[in-house]
C-alpha atoms as a PDB file:
ATOM      1  CA  MET A   1      69.403 131.419  49.656  1.00  0.00           C
ATOM      2  CA  ASN A   2      72.501 129.799  51.132  1.00  0.00           C
ATOM      3  CA  VAL A   3      75.558 130.833  49.107  1.00  0.00           C
ATOM      4  CA  GLY A   4      78.606 128.590  49.329  1.00  0.00           C
ATOM      5  CA  ALA A   5      76.315 126.039  50.890  1.00  0.00           C
ATOM      6  CA  GLY A   6      78.697 123.086  50.861  1.00  0.00           C
ATOM      7  CA  ALA A   7      77.086 119.992  52.344  1.00  0.00           C
ATOM      8  CA  GLY A   8      74.276 122.045  53.873  1.00  0.00           C
ATOM      9  CA  SER A   9      75.377 121.941  57.508  1.00  0.00           C
ATOM     10  CA  TYR A  10      74.123 125.446  58.308  1.00  0.00           C
ATOM     11  CA  GLU A  11      70.804 125.496  56.480  1.00  0.00           C
ATOM     12  CA  PRO A  12      67.708 126.191  58.628  1.00  0.00           C
ATOM     13  CA  ALA A  13      65.137 123.415  58.597  1.00  0.00           C
ATOM     14  CA  ASP A  14      62.196 125.761  59.175  1.00  0.00           C
ATOM     15  CA  ARG A  15      62.685 127.907  56.055  1.00  0.00           C
ATOM     16  CA  ASP A  16      62.354 127.403  52.315  1.00  0.00           C
ATOM     17  CA  VAL A  17      65.984 127.380  51.210  1.00  0.00           C
ATOM     18  CA  VAL A  18      67.740 127.302  47.861  1.00  0.00           C
ATOM     19  CA  ALA A  19      71.394 126.339  48.119  1.00  0.00           C
ATOM     20  CA  VAL A  20      74.113 127.685  45.833  1.00  0.00           C
ATOM     21  CA  GLU A  21      77.338 125.697  45.591  1.00  0.00           C
ATOM     22  CA  PRO A  22      79.952 125.572  42.788  1.00  0.00           C
ATOM     23  CA  SER A  23      81.676 122.332  43.822  1.00  0.00           C
ATOM     24  CA  GLU A  24      80.316 119.042  42.524  1.00  0.00           C
ATOM     25  CA  THR A  25      82.244 117.281  45.285  1.00  0.00           C
ATOM     26  CA  MET A  26      80.438 119.247  47.983  1.00  0.00           C
ATOM     27  CA  ILE A  27      77.070 118.883  46.251  1.00  0.00           C
ATOM     28  CA  ALA A  28      77.531 115.105  46.239  1.00  0.00           C
ATOM     29  CA  GLN A  29      77.915 115.206  50.033  1.00  0.00           C
ATOM     30  CA  ARG A  30      74.547 116.851  50.605  1.00  0.00           C
ATOM     31  CA  PRO A  31      72.237 114.417  52.414  1.00  0.00           C
ATOM     32  CA  ALA A  32      68.943 113.240  51.000  1.00  0.00           C
ATOM     33  CA  GLY A  33      66.134 115.637  51.786  1.00  0.00           C
ATOM     34  CA  SER A  34      68.335 118.717  52.002  1.00  0.00           C
ATOM     35  CA  ALA A  35      67.450 121.945  50.226  1.00  0.00           C
ATOM     36  CA  PRO A  36      67.550 121.987  46.413  1.00  0.00           C
ATOM     37  CA  VAL A  37      70.935 123.093  45.139  1.00  0.00           C
ATOM     38  CA  VAL A  38      71.963 125.189  42.148  1.00  0.00           C
ATOM     39  CA  ARG A  39      75.533 124.826  40.879  1.00  0.00           C
ATOM     40  CA  ALA A  40      76.739 128.414  40.554  1.00  0.00           C
ATOM     41  CA  TYR A  41      79.214 130.970  41.860  1.00  0.00           C
ATOM     42  CA  ALA A  42      78.446 133.894  44.171  1.00  0.00           C
ATOM     43  CA  GLU A  43      79.755 136.288  41.536  1.00  0.00           C
ATOM     44  CA  ASP A  44      77.190 135.148  38.953  1.00  0.00           C
ATOM     45  CA  LEU A  45      73.936 134.143  40.623  1.00  0.00           C
ATOM     46  CA  PRO A  46      71.322 132.812  38.152  1.00  0.00           C
ATOM     47  CA  PHE A  47      68.348 134.492  39.822  1.00  0.00           C
ATOM     48  CA  GLU A  48      66.141 137.513  39.181  1.00  0.00           C
ATOM     49  CA  ASP A  49      66.505 140.740  41.133  1.00  0.00           C
ATOM     50  CA  GLY A  50      64.931 140.506  44.582  1.00  0.00           C
ATOM     51  CA  ALA A  51      64.180 136.803  44.225  1.00  0.00           C
ATOM     52  CA  PHE A  52      64.893 136.023  47.895  1.00  0.00           C
ATOM     53  CA  ASP A  53      63.892 137.398  51.270  1.00  0.00           C
ATOM     54  CA  ALA A  54      67.408 136.769  52.547  1.00  0.00           C
ATOM     55  CA  ALA A  55      70.822 135.492  51.531  1.00  0.00           C
ATOM     56  CA  MET A  56      73.135 133.797  53.991  1.00  0.00           C
ATOM     57  CA  VAL A  57      76.847 133.128  53.684  1.00  0.00           C
ATOM     58  CA  VAL A  58      78.673 131.048  56.299  1.00  0.00           C
ATOM     59  CA  LEU A  59      82.473 130.974  56.267  1.00  0.00           C
ATOM     60  CA  SER A  60      82.697 130.868  52.491  1.00  0.00           C
ATOM     61  CA  ASP A  61      83.093 134.411  51.149  1.00  0.00           C
ATOM     62  CA  HIS A  62      86.885 134.234  51.543  1.00  0.00           C
ATOM     63  CA  HIS A  63      86.816 131.694  48.699  1.00  0.00           C
ATOM     64  CA  TRP A  64      85.218 134.074  46.208  1.00  0.00           C
ATOM     65  CA  ARG A  65      87.328 135.106  43.227  1.00  0.00           C
ATOM     66  CA  ASP A  66      85.835 138.624  43.156  1.00  0.00           C
ATOM     67  CA  HIS A  67      84.579 139.667  46.576  1.00  0.00           C
ATOM     68  CA  ALA A  68      83.075 142.978  45.472  1.00  0.00           C
ATOM     69  CA  ARG A  69      81.110 141.330  42.679  1.00  0.00           C
ATOM     70  CA  GLY A  70      79.881 138.574  44.997  1.00  0.00           C
ATOM     71  CA  LEU A  71      78.533 141.121  47.460  1.00  0.00           C
ATOM     72  CA  ALA A  72      76.854 143.059  44.656  1.00  0.00           C
ATOM     73  CA  GLU A  73      75.126 139.877  43.501  1.00  0.00           C
ATOM     74  CA  LEU A  74      73.859 139.151  47.000  1.00  0.00           C
ATOM     75  CA  ARG A  75      72.389 142.642  47.241  1.00  0.00           C
ATOM     76  CA  ARG A  76      70.815 142.246  43.812  1.00  0.00           C
ATOM     77  CA  VAL A  77      68.939 139.017  44.464  1.00  0.00           C
ATOM     78  CA  ALA A  78      68.121 139.311  48.190  1.00  0.00           C
ATOM     79  CA  ARG A  79      66.446 141.940  50.341  1.00  0.00           C
ATOM     80  CA  ARG A  80      68.560 141.044  53.355  1.00  0.00           C
ATOM     81  CA  VAL A  81      72.123 139.731  53.540  1.00  0.00           C
ATOM     82  CA  VAL A  82      73.654 137.926  56.530  1.00  0.00           C
ATOM     83  CA  ILE A  83      77.283 136.818  56.495  1.00  0.00           C
ATOM     84  CA  PHE A  84      79.124 134.872  59.174  1.00  0.00           C
ATOM     85  CA  GLY A  85      82.732 135.470  58.298  1.00  0.00           C
ATOM     86  CA  TRP A  86      86.150 136.421  59.527  1.00  0.00           C
ATOM     87  CA  ASP A  87      88.072 139.690  59.603  1.00  0.00           C
ATOM     88  CA  PRO A  88      91.433 139.098  57.859  1.00  0.00           C
ATOM     89  CA  ALA A  89      92.918 142.074  59.712  1.00  0.00           C
ATOM     90  CA  THR A  90      93.139 139.731  62.719  1.00  0.00           C
ATOM     91  CA  VAL A  91      95.108 137.059  60.847  1.00  0.00           C
ATOM     92  CA  LEU A  92      98.167 137.226  63.134  1.00  0.00           C
ATOM     93  CA  ASP A  93      96.291 137.723  66.392  1.00  0.00           C
ATOM     94  CA  MET A  94      96.000 134.017  67.110  1.00  0.00           C
ATOM     95  CA  TRP A  95      98.829 131.595  67.788  1.00  0.00           C
ATOM     96  CA  ILE A  96      97.801 129.086  65.133  1.00  0.00           C
ATOM     97  CA  VAL A  97      98.689 131.377  62.224  1.00  0.00           C
ATOM     98  CA  ARG A  98     101.336 133.505  63.899  1.00  0.00           C
ATOM     99  CA  ASP A  99     103.442 130.609  65.184  1.00  0.00           C
ATOM    100  CA  TYR A 100     102.682 127.631  62.955  1.00  0.00           C
ATOM    101  CA  PHE A 101     100.815 128.347  59.725  1.00  0.00           C
ATOM    102  CA  PRO A 102     101.815 131.881  58.625  1.00  0.00           C
ATOM    103  CA  GLY A 103     101.163 130.950  54.996  1.00  0.00           C
ATOM    104  CA  MET A 104      97.477 131.576  55.638  1.00  0.00           C
ATOM    105  CA  GLN A 105      98.186 135.281  55.158  1.00  0.00           C
ATOM    106  CA  GLU A 106      98.831 134.611  51.486  1.00  0.00           C
ATOM    107  CA  LEU A 107      95.414 132.955  51.080  1.00  0.00           C
ATOM    108  CA  VAL A 108      93.490 136.126  51.923  1.00  0.00           C
ATOM    109  CA  PRO A 109      92.117 137.385  48.586  1.00  0.00           C
ATOM    110  CA  ALA A 110      92.649 140.938  47.415  1.00  0.00           C
ATOM    111  CA  GLY A 111      89.828 143.192  48.513  1.00  0.00           C
ATOM    112  CA  TYR A 112      88.690 140.889  51.293  1.00  0.00           C
ATOM    113  CA  ARG A 113      88.474 143.251  54.270  1.00  0.00           C
ATOM    114  CA  LEU A 114      85.715 143.695  56.808  1.00  0.00           C
ATOM    115  CA  ALA A 115      85.616 147.441  56.181  1.00  0.00           C
ATOM    116  CA  HIS A 116      85.195 146.820  52.453  1.00  0.00           C
ATOM    117  CA  THR A 117      82.386 144.349  53.076  1.00  0.00           C
ATOM    118  CA  LEU A 118      80.490 146.813  55.256  1.00  0.00           C
ATOM    119  CA  ALA A 119      80.970 149.651  52.775  1.00  0.00           C
ATOM    120  CA  ARG A 120      79.886 147.588  49.784  1.00  0.00           C
ATOM    121  CA  LEU A 121      76.767 146.276  51.472  1.00  0.00           C
ATOM    122  CA  GLY A 122      75.763 149.819  52.382  1.00  0.00           C
ATOM    123  CA  ASP A 123      73.661 149.740  55.551  1.00  0.00           C
ATOM    124  CA  ALA A 124      75.585 146.846  57.081  1.00  0.00           C
ATOM    125  CA  ARG A 125      76.626 146.315  60.676  1.00  0.00           C
ATOM    126  CA  ALA A 126      79.062 143.833  62.199  1.00  0.00           C
ATOM    127  CA  GLU A 127      78.881 142.064  65.551  1.00  0.00           C
ATOM    128  CA  PRO A 128      81.755 140.076  67.117  1.00  0.00           C
ATOM    129  CA  VAL A 129      81.085 136.361  67.528  1.00  0.00           C
ATOM    130  CA  PRO A 130      83.230 134.897  70.330  1.00  0.00           C
ATOM    131  CA  ILE A 131      84.331 131.288  69.845  1.00  0.00           C
ATOM    132  CA  PRO A 132      83.683 128.976  72.835  1.00  0.00           C
ATOM    133  CA  HIS A 133      86.454 126.695  74.019  1.00  0.00           C
ATOM    134  CA  ASP A 134      84.379 123.594  73.281  1.00  0.00           C
ATOM    135  CA  CYS A 135      83.125 124.686  69.854  1.00  0.00           C
ATOM    136  CA  VAL A 136      81.786 121.639  68.035  1.00  0.00           C
ATOM    137  CA  ASP A 137      82.033 123.153  64.545  1.00  0.00           C
ATOM    138  CA  GLY A 138      85.498 122.327  63.289  1.00  0.00           C
ATOM    139  CA  PHE A 139      86.423 125.519  61.429  1.00  0.00           C
ATOM    140  CA  PHE A 140      89.953 126.916  61.482  1.00  0.00           C
ATOM    141  CA  HIS A 141      90.017 128.618  64.900  1.00  0.00           C
ATOM    142  CA  ALA A 142      87.594 126.253  66.644  1.00  0.00           C
ATOM    143  CA  TYR A 143      90.385 124.461  68.519  1.00  0.00           C
ATOM    144  CA  TRP A 144      92.126 127.555  69.907  1.00  0.00           C
ATOM    145  CA  ARG A 145      92.175 125.994  73.419  1.00  0.00           C
ATOM    146  CA  ARG A 146      92.680 122.431  72.167  1.00  0.00           C
ATOM    147  CA  PRO A 147      95.922 122.666  70.169  1.00  0.00           C
ATOM    148  CA  GLU A 148      96.392 118.908  70.086  1.00  0.00           C
ATOM    149  CA  ALA A 149      93.457 118.700  67.685  1.00  0.00           C
ATOM    150  CA  TYR A 150      95.490 120.286  64.884  1.00  0.00           C
ATOM    151  CA  LEU A 151      97.842 117.293  64.971  1.00  0.00           C
ATOM    152  CA  ASP A 152      94.946 115.061  63.909  1.00  0.00           C
ATOM    153  CA  GLU A 153      94.863 114.602  60.132  1.00  0.00           C
ATOM    154  CA  GLU A 154      91.126 113.927  60.241  1.00  0.00           C
ATOM    155  CA  VAL A 155      90.519 117.265  61.977  1.00  0.00           C
ATOM    156  CA  ARG A 156      92.673 119.103  59.430  1.00  0.00           C
ATOM    157  CA  ALA A 157      90.821 117.388  56.579  1.00  0.00           C
ATOM    158  CA  GLY A 158      87.663 119.234  57.627  1.00  0.00           C
ATOM    159  CA  ILE A 159      89.329 122.671  57.529  1.00  0.00           C
ATOM    160  CA  SER A 160      89.580 124.294  54.116  1.00  0.00           C
ATOM    161  CA  VAL A 161      92.683 126.320  55.017  1.00  0.00           C
ATOM    162  CA  PHE A 162      94.788 123.175  55.242  1.00  0.00           C
ATOM    163  CA  ALA A 163      93.587 121.988  51.854  1.00  0.00           C
ATOM    164  CA  ARG A 164      94.693 125.275  50.298  1.00  0.00           C
ATOM    165  CA  LEU A 165      98.045 125.633  52.063  1.00  0.00           C
ATOM    166  CA  ASP A 166     101.176 124.138  50.552  1.00  0.00           C
ATOM    167  CA  ARG A 167     101.461 120.578  51.836  1.00  0.00           C
ATOM    168  CA  ALA A 168     105.059 121.062  52.942  1.00  0.00           C
ATOM    169  CA  ALA A 169     104.045 124.161  54.920  1.00  0.00           C
ATOM    170  CA  VAL A 170     101.292 122.197  56.645  1.00  0.00           C
ATOM    171  CA  GLU A 171     103.718 119.419  57.547  1.00  0.00           C
ATOM    172  CA  ARG A 172     106.250 121.910  58.930  1.00  0.00           C
ATOM    173  CA  GLY A 173     103.585 123.594  61.032  1.00  0.00           C
ATOM    174  CA  VAL A 174     102.225 120.321  62.392  1.00  0.00           C
ATOM    175  CA  GLU A 175     105.729 119.092  63.267  1.00  0.00           C
ATOM    176  CA  SER A 176     106.562 122.378  65.000  1.00  0.00           C
ATOM    177  CA  LEU A 177     103.324 122.352  66.970  1.00  0.00           C
ATOM    178  CA  GLY A 178     103.903 118.740  67.983  1.00  0.00           C
ATOM    179  CA  ARG A 179     107.392 119.564  69.268  1.00  0.00           C
ATOM    180  CA  ASP A 180     106.148 122.591  71.196  1.00  0.00           C
ATOM    181  CA  LEU A 181     103.349 120.624  72.813  1.00  0.00           C
ATOM    182  CA  GLU A 182     105.738 117.869  73.817  1.00  0.00           C
ATOM    183  CA  SER A 183     108.362 120.252  75.189  1.00  0.00           C
ATOM    184  CA  GLY A 184     105.869 122.506  76.951  1.00  0.00           C
ATOM    185  CA  GLU A 185     106.779 125.524  74.815  1.00  0.00           C
ATOM    186  CA  TRP A 186     103.197 125.952  73.577  1.00  0.00           C
ATOM    187  CA  GLU A 187     102.012 125.930  77.179  1.00  0.00           C
ATOM    188  CA  ARG A 188     104.584 128.525  78.193  1.00  0.00           C
ATOM    189  CA  ARG A 189     103.489 130.872  75.427  1.00  0.00           C
ATOM    190  CA  ASN A 190      99.768 130.197  75.372  1.00  0.00           C
ATOM    191  CA  GLY A 191      98.849 128.408  78.578  1.00  0.00           C
ATOM    192  CA  HIS A 192      96.826 131.392  79.763  1.00  0.00           C
ATOM    193  CA  LEU A 193      94.238 130.476  77.129  1.00  0.00           C
ATOM    194  CA  ARG A 194      93.356 127.333  79.080  1.00  0.00           C
ATOM    195  CA  ALA A 195      91.558 129.522  81.643  1.00  0.00           C
ATOM    196  CA  LEU A 196      89.290 131.190  79.068  1.00  0.00           C
ATOM    197  CA  ASP A 197      85.807 129.963  78.210  1.00  0.00           C
ATOM    198  CA  GLU A 198      85.649 131.884  74.927  1.00  0.00           C
ATOM    199  CA  ILE A 199      87.855 134.068  72.782  1.00  0.00           C
ATOM    200  CA  GLU A 200      87.588 136.841  70.220  1.00  0.00           C
ATOM    201  CA  ALA A 201      89.256 135.431  67.090  1.00  0.00           C
ATOM    202  CA  GLY A 202      88.090 137.889  64.459  1.00  0.00           C
ATOM    203  CA  TYR A 203      84.777 136.238  63.541  1.00  0.00           C
ATOM    204  CA  ARG A 204      81.920 138.587  62.730  1.00  0.00           C
ATOM    205  CA  LEU A 205      78.214 138.411  61.982  1.00  0.00           C
ATOM    206  CA  VAL A 206      77.544 140.964  59.248  1.00  0.00           C
ATOM    207  CA  SER A 207      73.948 141.846  58.436  1.00  0.00           C
ATOM    208  CA  SER A 208      72.423 144.244  55.950  1.00  0.00           C
ATOM    209  CA  GLY A 209      68.842 145.084  55.076  1.00  0.00           C
END
């Protein structure tokens, strides 16, 4: 089961998969031949106890309205749970939030903490997932060494954070980043990142079961 499946980008082709996605817009973007999809929320999964060998969640649990209930539902319907997510305790560690889009802090839902996730899943463990400098998946921190990318409206359109932030705040952040790139201020503050091949940005692979 792929919860918060979106357009199905992360679904394995060599497994029998059932996708769960609440958004009709995202469901409409799923390509022909992709896994069957059920329109539902993580907090109320329409499946019997133990119906799945495994449940996967990729960069979507921060959208849940009730994180504790969503985790409980995953444990109920699946024998193993694997979550690729982000630790909100690291929200100000990276320049993109700290210097340009601080409003992201307000988007972190109550109860969404890595420690809470591990405790609620029970026998869970978390492994850091470093982000390579040339990451091809365009999630929020993917362009940590390519700051110019955040000036591209098409790039931002593929990142859910920018859709949820106040539009004026996004515009202010983009303008500020553009000025700092042009003046060299970004380079003075963050130029050391250009020498790194990968970075720890708070992303974790959590597995249980």
